């Protein structure tokens, strides 16, 4: 099942994101199942990070939600809002 995870940071918590980033990146390397996309949501300047976006294949929605709860960012209280929902890819591959 293809799942989208959108996790938006609490405003003014860039320092917490950067402090926790090494643990978060290790968690991604160790725990993420097959993915179409994993990366930060960037601020308008294209540099600052304000959230996380995943499009990942999971067995089911409950597994995806449990996975997200294990994110070190989530565990330190970085996120203001998290959405974990099924999705589908309608993009047509180009030849």
N, C-alpha and C. Protein backbone atom coordinates (compact mmCIF):
# COMPACT_ATOMS: atom_id res chain seq x y z
N UNK A 1 0.85 -1.17 0.00
CA UNK A 1 0.00 0.00 0.00
C UNK A 1 0.90 1.24 0.00
N UNK A 2 0.64 2.14 -0.92
CA UNK A 2 1.41 3.38 -1.01
C UNK A 2 0.85 4.39 0.00
N UNK A 3 1.74 4.94 0.84
CA UNK A 3 1.34 5.85 1.93
C UNK A 3 2.12 7.16 1.81
N UNK A 4 1.41 8.26 2.00
CA UNK A 4 2.04 9.57 2.10
C UNK A 4 2.09 9.97 3.57
N UNK A 5 3.27 10.41 4.01
CA UNK A 5 3.43 10.95 5.36
C UNK A 5 3.90 12.40 5.19
N UNK A 6 3.12 13.32 5.73
CA UNK A 6 3.47 14.74 5.73
C UNK A 6 3.58 15.16 7.19
N UNK A 7 4.76 15.61 7.58
CA UNK A 7 4.99 16.02 8.97
C UNK A 7 5.52 17.45 8.97
N UNK A 8 4.75 18.37 9.52
CA UNK A 8 5.13 19.78 9.52
C UNK A 8 5.69 20.17 10.88
N UNK A 9 6.84 20.83 10.86
CA UNK A 9 7.52 21.25 12.08
C UNK A 9 6.74 22.34 12.81
N UNK A 10 6.92 22.39 14.12
CA UNK A 10 6.44 23.52 14.90
C UNK A 10 7.26 24.74 14.49
N UNK A 11 6.63 25.89 14.33
CA UNK A 11 7.38 27.10 13.97
C UNK A 11 8.47 27.38 15.00
N UNK A 12 9.62 27.85 14.51
CA UNK A 12 10.71 28.24 15.39
C UNK A 12 11.48 27.09 15.99
N UNK A 13 11.37 25.90 15.40
CA UNK A 13 12.06 24.72 15.95
C UNK A 13 13.17 24.20 15.04
N UNK A 14 13.74 25.06 14.21
CA UNK A 14 14.82 24.66 13.31
C UNK A 14 16.02 24.10 14.08
N UNK A 15 16.33 24.68 15.22
CA UNK A 15 17.46 24.19 16.02
C UNK A 15 17.23 22.75 16.48
N UNK A 16 16.00 22.44 16.91
CA UNK A 16 15.68 21.08 17.33
C UNK A 16 15.80 20.11 16.16
N UNK A 17 15.34 20.54 14.97
CA UNK A 17 15.47 19.71 13.77
C UNK A 17 16.94 19.40 13.50
N UNK A 18 17.78 20.41 13.52
CA UNK A 18 19.19 20.21 13.18
C UNK A 18 19.90 19.37 14.25
N UNK A 19 19.55 19.56 15.50
CA UNK A 19 20.15 18.79 16.59
C UNK A 19 19.80 17.30 16.46
N UNK A 20 18.57 17.02 16.02
CA UNK A 20 18.06 15.64 15.94
C UNK A 20 18.35 15.00 14.58
N UNK A 21 18.78 15.78 13.62
CA UNK A 21 18.95 15.30 12.23
C UNK A 21 19.85 14.07 12.10
N UNK A 22 21.00 13.99 12.76
CA UNK A 22 21.82 12.78 12.61
C UNK A 22 21.06 11.50 13.02
N UNK A 23 20.32 11.56 14.12
CA UNK A 23 19.53 10.39 14.55
C UNK A 23 18.43 10.08 13.54
N UNK A 24 17.80 11.11 13.02
CA UNK A 24 16.74 10.95 12.02
C UNK A 24 17.28 10.28 10.75
N UNK A 25 18.43 10.75 10.26
CA UNK A 25 19.01 10.18 9.04
C UNK A 25 19.44 8.73 9.24
N UNK A 26 19.94 8.40 10.40
CA UNK A 26 20.29 7.00 10.70
C UNK A 26 19.03 6.14 10.73
N UNK A 27 17.97 6.67 11.34
CA UNK A 27 16.69 5.96 11.40
C UNK A 27 16.17 5.70 10.00
N UNK A 28 16.26 6.68 9.12
CA UNK A 28 15.83 6.49 7.73
C UNK A 28 16.64 5.39 7.08
N UNK A 29 17.95 5.45 7.22
CA UNK A 29 18.82 4.45 6.59
C UNK A 29 18.52 3.04 7.09
N UNK A 30 18.16 2.91 8.37
CA UNK A 30 17.93 1.60 8.97
C UNK A 30 16.50 1.09 8.84
N UNK A 31 15.52 1.96 8.76
CA UNK A 31 14.12 1.55 8.94
C UNK A 31 13.17 1.74 7.75
N UNK A 32 13.52 2.58 6.79
CA UNK A 32 12.55 2.91 5.74
C UNK A 32 12.38 1.77 4.74
N UNK A 33 11.12 1.36 4.51
CA UNK A 33 10.85 0.37 3.47
C UNK A 33 10.97 1.01 2.08
N UNK A 34 10.73 0.24 1.00
CA UNK A 34 10.84 0.81 -0.35
C UNK A 34 10.07 2.12 -0.48
N UNK A 35 10.72 3.12 -1.07
CA UNK A 35 10.13 4.45 -1.12
C UNK A 35 10.23 5.06 -2.51
N UNK A 36 9.21 5.84 -2.86
CA UNK A 36 9.26 6.66 -4.08
C UNK A 36 9.92 7.99 -3.81
N UNK A 37 9.70 8.51 -2.59
CA UNK A 37 10.25 9.82 -2.25
C UNK A 37 10.41 9.93 -0.74
N UNK A 38 11.54 10.47 -0.31
CA UNK A 38 11.78 10.83 1.08
C UNK A 38 12.60 12.11 1.06
N UNK A 39 12.14 13.12 1.77
CA UNK A 39 12.93 14.35 1.82
C UNK A 39 12.27 15.41 2.66
N UNK A 40 13.01 16.50 2.88
CA UNK A 40 12.46 17.60 3.67
C UNK A 40 11.49 18.43 2.84
N UNK A 41 10.56 19.06 3.53
CA UNK A 41 9.74 20.11 2.94
C UNK A 41 10.50 21.39 3.22
N UNK A 42 10.80 22.12 2.15
CA UNK A 42 11.63 23.32 2.30
C UNK A 42 10.80 24.58 2.45
N UNK A 43 11.37 25.56 3.14
CA UNK A 43 10.76 26.87 3.28
C UNK A 43 10.79 27.59 1.93
N UNK A 44 10.14 28.73 1.86
CA UNK A 44 10.06 29.49 0.61
C UNK A 44 11.42 29.84 0.03
N UNK A 45 12.45 29.95 0.88
CA UNK A 45 13.78 30.29 0.39
C UNK A 45 14.49 29.11 -0.26
N UNK A 46 13.87 27.91 -0.20
CA UNK A 46 14.45 26.72 -0.81
C UNK A 46 15.62 26.15 -0.03
N UNK A 47 15.89 26.67 1.15
CA UNK A 47 17.03 26.23 1.96
C UNK A 47 16.57 25.70 3.32
N UNK A 48 15.87 26.52 4.06
CA UNK A 48 15.41 26.12 5.39
C UNK A 48 14.42 24.96 5.31
N UNK A 49 14.47 24.08 6.31
CA UNK A 49 13.57 22.93 6.34
C UNK A 49 12.43 23.20 7.31
N UNK A 50 11.21 22.82 6.89
CA UNK A 50 10.03 23.07 7.73
C UNK A 50 9.15 21.85 7.90
N UNK A 51 9.62 20.70 7.45
CA UNK A 51 8.84 19.49 7.59
C UNK A 51 9.48 18.34 6.84
N UNK A 52 8.76 17.21 6.82
CA UNK A 52 9.24 16.00 6.16
C UNK A 52 8.13 15.43 5.29
N UNK A 53 8.52 14.85 4.15
CA UNK A 53 7.57 14.23 3.23
C UNK A 53 8.08 12.85 2.84
N UNK A 54 7.21 11.87 2.96
CA UNK A 54 7.53 10.49 2.57
C UNK A 54 6.43 9.99 1.65
N UNK A 55 6.81 9.28 0.63
CA UNK A 55 5.87 8.48 -0.16
C UNK A 55 6.50 7.10 -0.18
N UNK A 56 5.91 6.19 0.61
CA UNK A 56 6.56 4.92 0.94
C UNK A 56 5.56 3.78 0.82
N UNK A 57 6.07 2.62 0.45
CA UNK A 57 5.27 1.40 0.36
C UNK A 57 5.25 0.71 1.74
N UNK A 58 4.05 0.50 2.29
CA UNK A 58 3.87 -0.19 3.56
C UNK A 58 2.87 -1.33 3.39
N UNK A 59 2.92 -2.26 4.31
CA UNK A 59 1.98 -3.38 4.31
C UNK A 59 0.55 -2.89 4.50
N UNK A 60 0.38 -1.93 5.42
CA UNK A 60 -0.94 -1.38 5.70
C UNK A 60 -0.79 -0.04 6.41
N UNK A 61 -1.91 0.63 6.63
CA UNK A 61 -1.91 1.97 7.23
C UNK A 61 -1.41 1.93 8.67
N UNK A 62 -1.79 0.91 9.42
CA UNK A 62 -1.34 0.81 10.82
C UNK A 62 0.18 0.70 10.90
N UNK A 63 0.79 -0.04 10.00
CA UNK A 63 2.25 -0.17 9.97
C UNK A 63 2.90 1.17 9.65
N UNK A 64 2.31 1.92 8.73
CA UNK A 64 2.84 3.25 8.38
C UNK A 64 2.77 4.20 9.57
N UNK A 65 1.66 4.16 10.28
CA UNK A 65 1.51 5.05 11.44
C UNK A 65 2.47 4.68 12.55
N UNK A 66 2.68 3.40 12.77
CA UNK A 66 3.65 2.95 13.78
C UNK A 66 5.07 3.36 13.38
N UNK A 67 5.39 3.23 12.09
CA UNK A 67 6.68 3.66 11.57
C UNK A 67 6.92 5.14 11.86
N UNK A 68 5.94 5.97 11.56
CA UNK A 68 6.08 7.41 11.74
C UNK A 68 6.31 7.76 13.20
N UNK A 69 5.66 7.06 14.10
CA UNK A 69 5.83 7.33 15.53
C UNK A 69 7.25 7.05 15.99
N UNK A 70 7.99 6.19 15.26
CA UNK A 70 9.37 5.89 15.61
C UNK A 70 10.38 6.91 15.13
N UNK A 71 9.95 7.87 14.32
CA UNK A 71 10.86 8.90 13.80
C UNK A 71 11.44 9.69 14.98
N UNK A 72 12.77 9.80 15.06
CA UNK A 72 13.36 10.61 16.14
C UNK A 72 12.82 12.04 16.19
N UNK A 73 12.50 12.62 15.04
CA UNK A 73 11.89 13.95 15.05
C UNK A 73 10.57 13.94 15.81
N UNK A 74 9.78 12.92 15.57
CA UNK A 74 8.50 12.79 16.26
C UNK A 74 8.71 12.60 17.77
N UNK A 75 9.69 11.80 18.11
CA UNK A 75 9.94 11.47 19.51
C UNK A 75 10.42 12.67 20.33
N UNK A 76 11.05 13.66 19.69
CA UNK A 76 11.49 14.86 20.44
C UNK A 76 10.46 15.98 20.36
N UNK A 77 9.31 15.73 19.73
CA UNK A 77 8.24 16.72 19.69
C UNK A 77 8.43 17.81 18.66
N UNK A 78 9.13 17.52 17.57
CA UNK A 78 9.38 18.53 16.53
C UNK A 78 8.12 18.90 15.76
N UNK A 79 7.23 17.96 15.54
CA UNK A 79 6.14 18.18 14.60
C UNK A 79 4.92 18.85 15.22
N UNK A 80 4.39 19.82 14.48
CA UNK A 80 3.14 20.47 14.85
C UNK A 80 1.95 19.66 14.34
N UNK A 81 2.12 19.08 13.15
CA UNK A 81 1.03 18.31 12.53
C UNK A 81 1.60 17.19 11.69
N UNK A 82 0.97 16.02 11.77
CA UNK A 82 1.40 14.86 10.98
C UNK A 82 0.17 14.26 10.31
N UNK A 83 0.31 13.98 9.01
CA UNK A 83 -0.73 13.31 8.23
C UNK A 83 -0.13 12.02 7.69
N UNK A 84 -0.79 10.90 7.93
CA UNK A 84 -0.37 9.60 7.41
C UNK A 84 -1.60 9.00 6.72
N UNK A 85 -1.58 8.97 5.38
CA UNK A 85 -2.77 8.54 4.63
C UNK A 85 -2.37 7.77 3.38
N UNK A 86 -3.22 6.85 2.94
CA UNK A 86 -2.97 6.16 1.68
C UNK A 86 -2.99 7.14 0.51
N UNK A 87 -2.28 6.78 -0.54
CA UNK A 87 -2.25 7.60 -1.75
C UNK A 87 -2.13 6.67 -2.95
N UNK A 88 -2.17 7.23 -4.14
CA UNK A 88 -1.87 6.47 -5.34
C UNK A 88 -1.12 7.37 -6.32
N UNK A 89 -0.29 6.75 -7.12
CA UNK A 89 0.53 7.48 -8.08
C UNK A 89 -0.17 7.49 -9.43
N UNK A 90 -0.53 8.66 -9.90
CA UNK A 90 -1.18 8.80 -11.20
C UNK A 90 -0.23 9.31 -12.27
N UNK A 91 1.03 9.48 -11.92
CA UNK A 91 2.01 9.96 -12.89
C UNK A 91 2.21 8.91 -13.98
N UNK A 92 2.31 9.37 -15.20
CA UNK A 92 2.53 8.50 -16.33
C UNK A 92 4.02 8.53 -16.67
N UNK A 93 4.70 7.39 -16.59
CA UNK A 93 6.12 7.38 -16.94
C UNK A 93 6.35 7.87 -18.38
N UNK A 94 7.39 8.67 -18.55
CA UNK A 94 7.73 9.18 -19.90
C UNK A 94 8.68 8.19 -20.57
N UNK A 95 8.48 8.00 -21.86
CA UNK A 95 9.36 7.03 -22.58
C UNK A 95 10.80 7.48 -22.64
